[in-house]
């Protein structure tokens, strides 16, 4: 799960929200 955070940190905010909704996880929070 750590590598996942590294990838997320390099993505734009909008992409994060899009992925979060698709996965069903509140990544923004």
Protein backbone atom coordinates (compact mmCIF):
# COMPACT_ATOMS: atom_id res chain seq x y z
CA UNK A 1 0.00 0.00 0.00
CA UNK A 2 3.03 2.25 0.45
CA UNK A 3 3.86 2.32 -3.25
CA UNK A 4 0.25 3.33 -3.83
CA UNK A 5 0.76 6.45 -1.73
CA UNK A 6 3.85 7.34 -3.75
CA UNK A 7 1.92 7.14 -7.00
CA UNK A 8 -0.97 9.12 -5.54
CA UNK A 9 1.32 11.90 -4.35
CA UNK A 10 2.41 12.45 -7.96
CA UNK A 11 -1.11 12.66 -9.38
CA UNK A 12 -3.19 15.82 -9.83
CA UNK A 13 -5.95 16.52 -7.31
CA UNK A 14 -8.72 15.91 -9.84
CA UNK A 15 -7.25 12.55 -10.79
CA UNK A 16 -7.07 11.60 -7.12
CA UNK A 17 -10.74 12.39 -6.61
CA UNK A 18 -11.68 10.49 -9.75
CA UNK A 19 -9.72 7.44 -8.64
CA UNK A 20 -11.07 7.74 -5.11
CA UNK A 21 -14.65 7.70 -6.32
CA UNK A 22 -13.96 4.79 -8.64
CA UNK A 23 -12.28 2.76 -5.91
CA UNK A 24 -14.76 3.91 -3.29
CA UNK A 25 -12.08 5.25 -0.95
CA UNK A 26 -11.83 8.77 0.42
CA UNK A 27 -8.24 9.39 -0.61
CA UNK A 28 -8.61 13.13 -0.20
CA UNK A 29 -9.45 12.77 3.49
